[in-house]
C-alpha atoms as a PDB file:
ATOM      1  CA  UNK A   1     -73.586-200.206   1.779  1.00  0.00           C
ATOM      2  CA  UNK A   2     -73.155-199.444   6.010  1.00  0.00           C
ATOM      3  CA  UNK A   3     -76.279-197.640   7.127  1.00  0.00           C
ATOM      4  CA  UNK A   4     -74.290-195.430   9.343  1.00  0.00           C
ATOM      5  CA  UNK A   5     -72.143-193.022   7.063  1.00  0.00           C
ATOM      6  CA  UNK A   6     -69.941-191.870   9.830  1.00  0.00           C
ATOM      7  CA  UNK A   7     -68.576-195.530  10.602  1.00  0.00           C
ATOM      8  CA  UNK A   8     -68.122-196.034   7.137  1.00  0.00           C
ATOM      9  CA  UNK A   9     -64.739-196.693   5.764  1.00  0.00           C
ATOM     10  CA  UNK A  10     -64.423-194.069   3.038  1.00  0.00           C
ATOM     11  CA  UNK A  11     -65.751-191.486   5.652  1.00  0.00           C
ATOM     12  CA  UNK A  12     -63.073-192.128   7.938  1.00  0.00           C
ATOM     13  CA  UNK A  13     -60.353-192.610   5.883  1.00  0.00           C
ATOM     14  CA  UNK A  14     -60.820-189.428   3.656  1.00  0.00           C
ATOM     15  CA  UNK A  15     -58.319-186.962   4.871  1.00  0.00           C
ATOM     16  CA  UNK A  16     -55.532-189.779   3.893  1.00  0.00           C
ATOM     17  CA  UNK A  17     -57.139-190.231   0.688  1.00  0.00           C
ATOM     18  CA  UNK A  18     -57.136-186.490  -0.098  1.00  0.00           C
ATOM     19  CA  UNK A  19     -53.623-186.330   0.716  1.00  0.00           C
ATOM     20  CA  UNK A  20     -53.004-189.380  -1.719  1.00  0.00           C
ATOM     21  CA  UNK A  21     -54.795-187.860  -4.694  1.00  0.00           C
ATOM     22  CA  UNK A  22     -53.401-184.553  -3.870  1.00  0.00           C
ATOM     23  CA  UNK A  23     -49.626-185.332  -3.798  1.00  0.00           C
ATOM     24  CA  UNK A  24     -49.876-187.428  -6.993  1.00  0.00           C
ATOM     25  CA  UNK A  25     -51.837-184.782  -9.111  1.00  0.00           C
ATOM     26  CA  UNK A  26     -50.353-181.635  -7.392  1.00  0.00           C
ATOM     27  CA  UNK A  27     -54.741-180.253  -7.560  1.00  0.00           C
ATOM     28  CA  UNK A  28     -57.072-180.336  -4.941  1.00  0.00           C
ATOM     29  CA  UNK A  29     -59.589-179.554  -7.363  1.00  0.00           C
ATOM     30  CA  UNK A  30     -58.622-182.229  -9.237  1.00  0.00           C
ATOM     31  CA  UNK A  31     -57.787-184.883  -6.085  1.00  0.00           C
ATOM     32  CA  UNK A  32     -61.643-184.018  -5.245  1.00  0.00           C
ATOM     33  CA  UNK A  33     -62.859-185.082  -8.678  1.00  0.00           C
ATOM     34  CA  UNK A  34     -60.858-188.462  -7.705  1.00  0.00           C
ATOM     35  CA  UNK A  35     -62.349-188.889  -4.681  1.00  0.00           C
ATOM     36  CA  UNK A  36     -65.707-188.542  -5.926  1.00  0.00           C
ATOM     37  CA  UNK A  37     -65.050-191.299  -8.825  1.00  0.00           C
ATOM     38  CA  UNK A  38     -63.425-193.338  -6.306  1.00  0.00           C
ATOM     39  CA  UNK A  39     -66.530-192.320  -3.399  1.00  0.00           C
ATOM     40  CA  UNK A  40     -69.138-193.985  -6.900  1.00  0.00           C
ATOM     41  CA  UNK A  41     -67.070-196.904  -7.205  1.00  0.00           C
ATOM     42  CA  UNK A  42     -66.491-197.472  -3.542  1.00  0.00           C
ATOM     43  CA  UNK A  43     -70.564-197.498  -3.374  1.00  0.00           C
ATOM     44  CA  UNK A  44     -70.511-200.434  -5.396  1.00  0.00           C
ATOM     45  CA  UNK A  45     -68.403-202.913  -3.662  1.00  0.00           C
ATOM     46  CA  UNK A  46     -69.324-205.767  -2.079  1.00  0.00           C
ATOM     47  CA  UNK A  47     -67.724-204.807   1.798  1.00  0.00           C
ATOM     48  CA  UNK A  48     -67.967-208.555   2.692  1.00  0.00           C
ATOM     49  CA  UNK A  49     -65.072-209.220   0.051  1.00  0.00           C
ATOM     50  CA  UNK A  50     -62.601-206.489   1.654  1.00  0.00           C
ATOM     51  CA  UNK A  51     -60.755-207.249   4.079  1.00  0.00           C
ATOM     52  CA  UNK A  52     -58.361-204.207   4.837  1.00  0.00           C
ATOM     53  CA  UNK A  53     -60.767-201.178   3.793  1.00  0.00           C
ATOM     54  CA  UNK A  54     -57.996-198.955   4.263  1.00  0.00           C
ATOM     55  CA  UNK A  55     -55.800-200.641   2.063  1.00  0.00           C
ATOM     56  CA  UNK A  56     -58.395-201.113  -0.491  1.00  0.00           C
ATOM     57  CA  UNK A  57     -59.425-197.338  -0.619  1.00  0.00           C
ATOM     58  CA  UNK A  58     -55.524-196.599  -1.125  1.00  0.00           C
ATOM     59  CA  UNK A  59     -55.803-198.576  -3.866  1.00  0.00           C
ATOM     60  CA  UNK A  60     -58.883-197.390  -5.573  1.00  0.00           C
ATOM     61  CA  UNK A  61     -57.900-193.921  -5.141  1.00  0.00           C
ATOM     62  CA  UNK A  62     -54.400-194.238  -7.059  1.00  0.00           C
ATOM     63  CA  UNK A  63     -55.943-196.229  -9.753  1.00  0.00           C
ATOM     64  CA  UNK A  64     -58.335-192.960 -10.468  1.00  0.00           C
ATOM     65  CA  UNK A  65     -55.435-190.638  -9.583  1.00  0.00           C
ATOM     66  CA  UNK A  66     -53.274-192.091 -12.147  1.00  0.00           C
ATOM     67  CA  UNK A  67     -55.432-192.221 -14.574  1.00  0.00           C
ATOM     68  CA  UNK A  68     -56.276-188.560 -14.113  1.00  0.00           C
ATOM     69  CA  UNK A  69     -52.408-187.598 -13.721  1.00  0.00           C
ATOM     70  CA  UNK A  70     -51.934-189.498 -17.681  1.00  0.00           C
ATOM     71  CA  UNK A  71     -54.735-186.888 -18.692  1.00  0.00           C
ATOM     72  CA  UNK A  72     -53.284-183.886 -16.990  1.00  0.00           C
ATOM     73  CA  UNK A  73     -49.656-184.926 -18.392  1.00  0.00           C
ATOM     74  CA  UNK A  74     -50.939-184.135 -21.512  1.00  0.00           C
ATOM     75  CA  UNK A  75     -53.120-180.925 -21.417  1.00  0.00           C
ATOM     76  CA  UNK A  76     -50.180-179.373 -18.868  1.00  0.00           C
ATOM     77  CA  UNK A  77     -47.928-179.223 -22.149  1.00  0.00           C
ATOM     78  CA  UNK A  78     -50.659-176.807 -23.455  1.00  0.00           C
ATOM     79  CA  UNK A  79     -50.370-174.607 -20.069  1.00  0.00           C
ATOM     80  CA  UNK A  80     -49.809-171.460 -20.553  1.00  0.00           C
ATOM     81  CA  UNK A  81     -46.250-170.382 -18.850  1.00  0.00           C
ATOM     82  CA  UNK A  82     -44.793-172.011 -15.885  1.00  0.00           C
ATOM     83  CA  UNK A  83     -47.061-174.503 -14.203  1.00  0.00           C
ATOM     84  CA  UNK A  84     -47.205-174.716 -10.471  1.00  0.00           C
ATOM     85  CA  UNK A  85     -48.784-176.671  -8.152  1.00  0.00           C
ATOM     86  CA  UNK A  86     -52.392-175.484  -6.036  1.00  0.00           C
ATOM     87  CA  UNK A  87     -51.488-173.808  -2.981  1.00  0.00           C
ATOM     88  CA  UNK A  88     -53.268-175.136   0.569  1.00  0.00           C
ATOM     89  CA  UNK A  89     -54.123-173.071   3.317  1.00  0.00           C
ATOM     90  CA  UNK A  90     -52.954-175.755   6.305  1.00  0.00           C
ATOM     91  CA  UNK A  91     -52.519-175.014  10.021  1.00  0.00           C
ATOM     92  CA  UNK A  92     -49.112-175.188  11.618  1.00  0.00           C
ATOM     93  CA  UNK A  93     -50.410-178.861  12.998  1.00  0.00           C
ATOM     94  CA  UNK A  94     -49.415-180.088   9.854  1.00  0.00           C
ATOM     95  CA  UNK A  95     -45.596-179.324   9.763  1.00  0.00           C
ATOM     96  CA  UNK A  96     -45.501-181.384  13.335  1.00  0.00           C
ATOM     97  CA  UNK A  97     -45.423-184.432  10.621  1.00  0.00           C
ATOM     98  CA  UNK A  98     -42.209-183.576   9.133  1.00  0.00           C
ATOM     99  CA  UNK A  99     -42.248-185.943   6.586  1.00  0.00           C
ATOM    100  CA  UNK A 100     -45.604-185.258   5.940  1.00  0.00           C
ATOM    101  CA  UNK A 101     -45.030-181.376   5.870  1.00  0.00           C
ATOM    102  CA  UNK A 102     -41.876-181.481   3.500  1.00  0.00           C
ATOM    103  CA  UNK A 103     -43.996-184.305   0.728  1.00  0.00           C
ATOM    104  CA  UNK A 104     -46.890-181.567   0.591  1.00  0.00           C
ATOM    105  CA  UNK A 105     -44.320-178.463   0.287  1.00  0.00           C
ATOM    106  CA  UNK A 106     -44.415-176.629  -2.953  1.00  0.00           C
ATOM    107  CA  UNK A 107     -40.700-176.915  -3.448  1.00  0.00           C
ATOM    108  CA  UNK A 108     -41.113-180.530  -3.555  1.00  0.00           C
ATOM    109  CA  UNK A 109     -44.090-181.184  -5.579  1.00  0.00           C
ATOM    110  CA  UNK A 110     -42.479-179.043  -7.987  1.00  0.00           C
ATOM    111  CA  UNK A 111     -40.352-181.852  -8.320  1.00  0.00           C
ATOM    112  CA  UNK A 112     -42.992-184.619  -8.240  1.00  0.00           C
ATOM    113  CA  UNK A 113     -44.470-183.069 -11.761  1.00  0.00           C
ATOM    114  CA  UNK A 114     -40.702-183.820 -13.188  1.00  0.00           C
ATOM    115  CA  UNK A 115     -41.650-187.193 -12.696  1.00  0.00           C
ATOM    116  CA  UNK A 116     -43.855-189.782 -14.785  1.00  0.00           C
ATOM    117  CA  UNK A 117     -46.975-191.278 -13.913  1.00  0.00           C
ATOM    118  CA  UNK A 118     -46.395-193.935 -12.764  1.00  0.00           C
ATOM    119  CA  UNK A 119     -42.797-192.943 -11.057  1.00  0.00           C
ATOM    120  CA  UNK A 120     -44.635-190.478  -9.280  1.00  0.00           C
ATOM    121  CA  UNK A 121     -47.496-192.648  -8.062  1.00  0.00           C
ATOM    122  CA  UNK A 122     -44.979-195.125  -6.955  1.00  0.00           C
ATOM    123  CA  UNK A 123     -42.557-192.720  -5.117  1.00  0.00           C
ATOM    124  CA  UNK A 124     -46.035-190.866  -3.522  1.00  0.00           C
ATOM    125  CA  UNK A 125     -46.746-194.776  -2.127  1.00  0.00           C
ATOM    126  CA  UNK A 126     -43.456-196.031  -1.035  1.00  0.00           C
ATOM    127  CA  UNK A 127     -42.058-192.953   0.110  1.00  0.00           C
ATOM    128  CA  UNK A 128     -44.368-190.523   1.795  1.00  0.00           C
ATOM    129  CA  UNK A 129     -46.966-193.564   2.889  1.00  0.00           C
ATOM    130  CA  UNK A 130     -44.470-196.084   3.288  1.00  0.00           C
ATOM    131  CA  UNK A 131     -46.467-198.654   1.416  1.00  0.00           C
ATOM    132  CA  UNK A 132     -44.958-201.876   0.331  1.00  0.00           C
ATOM    133  CA  UNK A 133     -43.329-202.979  -2.963  1.00  0.00           C
ATOM    134  CA  UNK A 134     -46.520-205.371  -2.539  1.00  0.00           C
ATOM    135  CA  UNK A 135     -49.072-203.242  -1.950  1.00  0.00           C
ATOM    136  CA  UNK A 136     -48.106-200.314  -4.706  1.00  0.00           C
ATOM    137  CA  UNK A 137     -47.958-203.567  -7.108  1.00  0.00           C
ATOM    138  CA  UNK A 138     -51.536-204.193  -6.655  1.00  0.00           C
ATOM    139  CA  UNK A 139     -51.868-200.190  -6.657  1.00  0.00           C
ATOM    140  CA  UNK A 140     -50.946-199.514 -10.424  1.00  0.00           C
ATOM    141  CA  UNK A 141     -50.733-203.129 -11.765  1.00  0.00           C
ATOM    142  CA  UNK A 142     -46.912-204.023 -11.869  1.00  0.00           C
ATOM    143  CA  UNK A 143     -44.810-206.594 -10.310  1.00  0.00           C
ATOM    144  CA  UNK A 144     -43.349-206.141  -6.984  1.00  0.00           C
ATOM    145  CA  UNK A 145     -39.788-206.358  -8.909  1.00  0.00           C
ATOM    146  CA  UNK A 146     -40.762-203.581 -11.189  1.00  0.00           C
ATOM    147  CA  UNK A 147     -42.132-201.655  -8.421  1.00  0.00           C
ATOM    148  CA  UNK A 148     -38.501-201.679  -6.585  1.00  0.00           C
ATOM    149  CA  UNK A 149     -37.054-200.385  -9.693  1.00  0.00           C
ATOM    150  CA  UNK A 150     -38.975-197.802 -10.605  1.00  0.00           C
ATOM    151  CA  UNK A 151     -38.950-196.794  -6.739  1.00  0.00           C
ATOM    152  CA  UNK A 152     -35.026-196.415  -6.812  1.00  0.00           C
ATOM    153  CA  UNK A 153     -35.188-194.338 -10.146  1.00  0.00           C
ATOM    154  CA  UNK A 154     -37.608-191.679  -8.592  1.00  0.00           C
ATOM    155  CA  UNK A 155     -36.151-191.611  -5.279  1.00  0.00           C
ATOM    156  CA  UNK A 156     -32.460-191.010  -7.037  1.00  0.00           C
ATOM    157  CA  UNK A 157     -34.216-188.565  -9.445  1.00  0.00           C
ATOM    158  CA  UNK A 158     -35.933-186.808  -6.636  1.00  0.00           C
ATOM    159  CA  UNK A 159     -33.226-186.302  -4.559  1.00  0.00           C
ATOM    160  CA  UNK A 160     -31.140-184.710  -7.437  1.00  0.00           C
ATOM    161  CA  UNK A 161     -33.711-182.530  -7.475  1.00  0.00           C
ATOM    162  CA  UNK A 162     -35.180-181.566  -3.987  1.00  0.00           C
ATOM    163  CA  UNK A 163     -33.994-179.181  -1.782  1.00  0.00           C
ATOM    164  CA  UNK A 164     -30.535-179.675  -0.349  1.00  0.00           C
ATOM    165  CA  UNK A 165     -31.081-178.004   3.207  1.00  0.00           C
ATOM    166  CA  UNK A 166     -33.960-178.844   5.977  1.00  0.00           C
ATOM    167  CA  UNK A 167     -34.486-175.963   7.605  1.00  0.00           C
ATOM    168  CA  UNK A 168     -36.394-175.568  10.741  1.00  0.00           C
ATOM    169  CA  UNK A 169     -39.848-174.227  10.914  1.00  0.00           C
ATOM    170  CA  UNK A 170     -38.627-171.103  13.225  1.00  0.00           C
ATOM    171  CA  UNK A 171     -36.001-170.184  10.566  1.00  0.00           C
ATOM    172  CA  UNK A 172     -38.258-170.520   7.362  1.00  0.00           C
ATOM    173  CA  UNK A 173     -40.643-168.579   9.543  1.00  0.00           C
ATOM    174  CA  UNK A 174     -37.897-165.676  10.392  1.00  0.00           C
ATOM    175  CA  UNK A 175     -37.123-166.032   6.641  1.00  0.00           C
ATOM    176  CA  UNK A 176     -40.464-165.318   5.345  1.00  0.00           C
ATOM    177  CA  UNK A 177     -41.444-162.286   7.620  1.00  0.00           C
ATOM    178  CA  UNK A 178     -38.108-160.828   6.584  1.00  0.00           C
ATOM    179  CA  UNK A 179     -39.002-161.219   2.876  1.00  0.00           C
ATOM    180  CA  UNK A 180     -42.378-160.196   3.467  1.00  0.00           C
ATOM    181  CA  UNK A 181     -41.605-156.658   5.160  1.00  0.00           C
ATOM    182  CA  UNK A 182     -38.965-155.972   2.451  1.00  0.00           C
ATOM    183  CA  UNK A 183     -42.017-156.304   0.011  1.00  0.00           C
ATOM    184  CA  UNK A 184     -44.186-153.769   1.569  1.00  0.00           C
ATOM    185  CA  UNK A 185     -41.109-151.243   2.072  1.00  0.00           C
ATOM    186  CA  UNK A 186     -40.235-152.094  -1.555  1.00  0.00           C
ATOM    187  CA  UNK A 187     -36.529-151.930  -0.131  1.00  0.00           C
ATOM    188  CA  UNK A 188     -34.562-153.647  -3.198  1.00  0.00           C
ATOM    189  CA  UNK A 189     -31.410-153.536  -0.898  1.00  0.00           C
ATOM    190  CA  UNK A 190     -33.636-155.470   1.950  1.00  0.00           C
ATOM    191  CA  UNK A 191     -34.859-157.931  -0.793  1.00  0.00           C
ATOM    192  CA  UNK A 192     -31.595-158.207  -2.341  1.00  0.00           C
ATOM    193  CA  UNK A 193     -29.823-159.395   1.605  1.00  0.00           C
ATOM    194  CA  UNK A 194     -32.962-162.013   2.161  1.00  0.00           C
ATOM    195  CA  UNK A 195     -32.020-163.845  -1.651  1.00  0.00           C
ATOM    196  CA  UNK A 196     -29.276-166.074  -2.639  1.00  0.00           C
ATOM    197  CA  UNK A 197     -27.311-164.568  -5.583  1.00  0.00           C
ATOM    198  CA  UNK A 198     -28.434-167.435  -7.469  1.00  0.00           C
ATOM    199  CA  UNK A 199     -32.357-167.173  -6.409  1.00  0.00           C
ATOM    200  CA  UNK A 200     -34.812-168.465  -9.466  1.00  0.00           C
ATOM    201  CA  UNK A 201     -38.279-166.810  -9.077  1.00  0.00           C
ATOM    202  CA  UNK A 202     -41.277-168.763 -10.902  1.00  0.00           C
ATOM    203  CA  UNK A 203     -44.704-166.964 -11.215  1.00  0.00           C
ATOM    204  CA  UNK A 204     -47.920-169.135 -12.695  1.00  0.00           C
ATOM    205  CA  UNK A 205     -50.714-166.750 -13.850  1.00  0.00           C
ATOM    206  CA  UNK A 206     -52.047-169.908 -16.173  1.00  0.00           C
ATOM    207  CA  UNK A 207     -52.405-166.867 -19.094  1.00  0.00           C
ATOM    208  CA  UNK A 208     -55.610-165.463 -16.528  1.00  0.00           C
ATOM    209  CA  UNK A 209     -53.274-163.107 -14.858  1.00  0.00           C
ATOM    210  CA  UNK A 210     -50.178-161.424 -15.786  1.00  0.00           C
ATOM    211  CA  UNK A 211     -46.801-163.563 -14.917  1.00  0.00           C
ATOM    212  CA  UNK A 212     -43.473-164.352 -16.369  1.00  0.00           C
ATOM    213  CA  UNK A 213     -43.805-167.080 -18.965  1.00  0.00           C
ATOM    214  CA  UNK A 214     -40.473-168.499 -17.909  1.00  0.00           C
ATOM    215  CA  UNK A 215     -37.859-168.294 -14.604  1.00  0.00           C
ATOM    216  CA  UNK A 216     -36.361-165.606 -13.914  1.00  0.00           C
ATOM    217  CA  UNK A 217     -32.626-165.858 -12.160  1.00  0.00           C
ATOM    218  CA  UNK A 218     -30.769-163.837 -10.218  1.00  0.00           C
ATOM    219  CA  UNK A 219     -30.813-161.545  -7.296  1.00  0.00           C
ATOM    220  CA  UNK A 220     -30.759-158.000  -8.751  1.00  0.00           C
ATOM    221  CA  UNK A 221     -33.210-159.424 -11.449  1.00  0.00           C
ATOM    222  CA  UNK A 222     -35.709-160.890  -9.168  1.00  0.00           C
ATOM    223  CA  UNK A 223     -35.679-158.165  -6.480  1.00  0.00           C
ATOM    224  CA  UNK A 224     -36.328-155.182  -8.971  1.00  0.00           C
ATOM    225  CA  UNK A 225     -39.297-156.981 -10.534  1.00  0.00           C
ATOM    226  CA  UNK A 226     -40.691-157.449  -6.770  1.00  0.00           C
ATOM    227  CA  UNK A 227     -39.734-154.224  -5.989  1.00  0.00           C
ATOM    228  CA  UNK A 228     -41.601-152.776  -8.490  1.00  0.00           C
ATOM    229  CA  UNK A 229     -44.717-155.020  -8.345  1.00  0.00           C
ATOM    230  CA  UNK A 230     -44.788-153.818  -4.633  1.00  0.00           C
ATOM    231  CA  UNK A 231     -44.870-150.191  -5.780  1.00  0.00           C
ATOM    232  CA  UNK A 232     -47.254-149.740  -8.640  1.00  0.00           C
ATOM    233  CA  UNK A 233     -49.859-151.669  -7.361  1.00  0.00           C
ATOM    234  CA  UNK A 234     -52.732-149.217  -5.894  1.00  0.00           C
ATOM    235  CA  UNK A 235     -53.413-151.308  -2.799  1.00  0.00           C
ATOM    236  CA  UNK A 236     -50.876-153.792  -1.772  1.00  0.00           C
ATOM    237  CA  UNK A 237     -50.478-156.249   1.054  1.00  0.00           C
ATOM    238  CA  UNK A 238     -48.192-158.733   2.188  1.00  0.00           C
ATOM    239  CA  UNK A 239     -48.870-161.044   5.471  1.00  0.00           C
ATOM    240  CA  UNK A 240     -47.596-164.353   6.190  1.00  0.00           C
ATOM    241  CA  UNK A 241     -49.544-167.534   6.244  1.00  0.00           C
ATOM    242  CA  UNK A 242     -49.107-171.326   5.989  1.00  0.00           C
ATOM    243  CA  UNK A 243     -49.225-172.689   2.743  1.00  0.00           C
ATOM    244  CA  UNK A 244     -48.386-176.812   2.339  1.00  0.00           C
ATOM    245  CA  UNK A 245     -47.286-177.206   5.747  1.00  0.00           C
ATOM    246  CA  UNK A 246     -44.732-174.745   5.970  1.00  0.00           C
ATOM    247  CA  UNK A 247     -44.543-170.541   6.435  1.00  0.00           C
ATOM    248  CA  UNK A 248     -45.131-168.644   3.460  1.00  0.00           C
ATOM    249  CA  UNK A 249     -46.723-165.318   2.532  1.00  0.00           C
ATOM    250  CA  UNK A 250     -50.293-163.769   0.783  1.00  0.00           C
ATOM    251  CA  UNK A 251     -50.008-160.996  -1.136  1.00  0.00           C
ATOM    252  CA  UNK A 252     -53.203-159.088  -2.526  1.00  0.00           C
ATOM    253  CA  UNK A 253     -52.284-156.657  -5.130  1.00  0.00           C
ATOM    254  CA  UNK A 254     -55.492-154.557  -5.904  1.00  0.00           C
ATOM    255  CA  UNK A 255     -57.473-156.856  -4.203  1.00  0.00           C
ATOM    256  CA  UNK A 256     -56.560-159.914  -5.672  1.00  0.00           C
ATOM    257  CA  UNK A 257     -54.559-162.747  -3.550  1.00  0.00           C
ATOM    258  CA  UNK A 258     -51.035-164.417  -4.480  1.00  0.00           C
ATOM    259  CA  UNK A 259     -49.224-166.873  -3.041  1.00  0.00           C
ATOM    260  CA  UNK A 260     -45.718-166.660  -2.108  1.00  0.00           C
ATOM    261  CA  UNK A 261     -43.821-169.884  -1.084  1.00  0.00           C
ATOM    262  CA  UNK A 262     -39.954-170.229  -0.734  1.00  0.00           C
ATOM    263  CA  UNK A 263     -37.390-172.708  -0.465  1.00  0.00           C
ATOM    264  CA  UNK A 264     -34.402-171.647   1.910  1.00  0.00           C
ATOM    265  CA  UNK A 265     -31.060-172.838   2.206  1.00  0.00           C
ATOM    266  CA  UNK A 266     -28.627-171.065   5.366  1.00  0.00           C
ATOM    267  CA  UNK A 267     -30.774-168.422   5.847  1.00  0.00           C
ATOM    268  CA  UNK A 268     -31.534-167.192   2.338  1.00  0.00           C
ATOM    269  CA  UNK A 269     -33.930-167.845  -0.720  1.00  0.00           C
ATOM    270  CA  UNK A 270     -33.023-170.196  -3.551  1.00  0.00           C
ATOM    271  CA  UNK A 271     -36.850-170.480  -5.054  1.00  0.00           C
ATOM    272  CA  UNK A 272     -39.467-168.040  -4.936  1.00  0.00           C
ATOM    273  CA  UNK A 273     -42.802-170.061  -6.084  1.00  0.00           C
ATOM    274  CA  UNK A 274     -45.498-167.599  -6.991  1.00  0.00           C
ATOM    275  CA  UNK A 275     -49.174-168.411  -8.230  1.00  0.00           C
ATOM    276  CA  UNK A 276     -51.442-165.998  -9.666  1.00  0.00           C
ATOM    277  CA  UNK A 277     -53.704-168.058 -11.418  1.00  0.00           C
ATOM    278  CA  UNK A 278     -57.003-167.448  -9.590  1.00  0.00           C
ATOM    279  CA  UNK A 279     -58.348-170.482 -10.465  1.00  0.00           C
ATOM    280  CA  UNK A 280     -55.460-171.990  -8.226  1.00  0.00           C
ATOM    281  CA  UNK A 281     -56.543-169.911  -5.497  1.00  0.00           C
ATOM    282  CA  UNK A 282     -59.801-170.491  -4.101  1.00  0.00           C
ATOM    283  CA  UNK A 283     -58.920-172.733  -1.163  1.00  0.00           C
ATOM    284  CA  UNK A 284     -57.535-170.130   1.143  1.00  0.00           C
ATOM    285  CA  UNK A 285     -60.244-169.299   3.897  1.00  0.00           C
ATOM    286  CA  UNK A 286     -60.407-172.570   5.314  1.00  0.00           C
ATOM    287  CA  UNK A 287     -57.093-175.033   5.946  1.00  0.00           C
ATOM    288  CA  UNK A 288     -57.064-178.144   4.388  1.00  0.00           C
ATOM    289  CA  UNK A 289     -56.969-181.292   6.386  1.00  0.00           C
ATOM    290  CA  UNK A 290     -53.635-183.627   5.143  1.00  0.00           C
ATOM    291  CA  UNK A 291     -52.829-187.171   6.930  1.00  0.00           C
ATOM    292  CA  UNK A 292     -50.851-189.780   6.310  1.00  0.00           C
END
């Protein structure tokens, strides 16, 4: 073990390792568990035999995250209602790395949920962290040729499902502010004006708090539900925050937090991701550190 823990490679690269695990799992709590397991394994490694500690640690975390993801994939089949990623409070600085911000957005993490565990690992390591096919092969126990094929399939899968238009931070912020203002006033007309006609609302209550069990489609349906929710709450507040590297909203309904992330195209909202499950809302007080 290194005498000074502050110079230990694990400590040096912890933010990167957390980001890898979080992108693979969509859950900060599970990512922290993976990091703890990886730290215990790293503690028993002969450092003299490790030529590239950063690469070694990424491989170690990837393997642990892949094991966890396979287990979670089975348990999420029994999840009550829609499963959404755990939102993270982030600083605006995360958005400076455009590729990182897009990769950790709720919209992208939701798309990654549609990949199999191995495909997700390959996509994250290749497209986000720009690892070579050979490095990924070592991490997941496949040949470089197999990794190349998996990467191509995963890339095509994601491309067909990811948001079609990348909007600027200022445009995203403007739409979020319009949406939150409409929620505060409860004006149906204003909500309809900021939504695309075919908007989709996805809510995650986890069976713990009330939430729609399936996606809701269409501006009229979605606007009426949101307007009603804001009116019936005895105490309601809507504020803008940074979640997962982009402008988003935090709602407080009768003292209980809810997060709202938006997918925006051409100035209108196409998807609304609402997380109400309190088990996923424990990291809204201090910004998470993310890095590539």
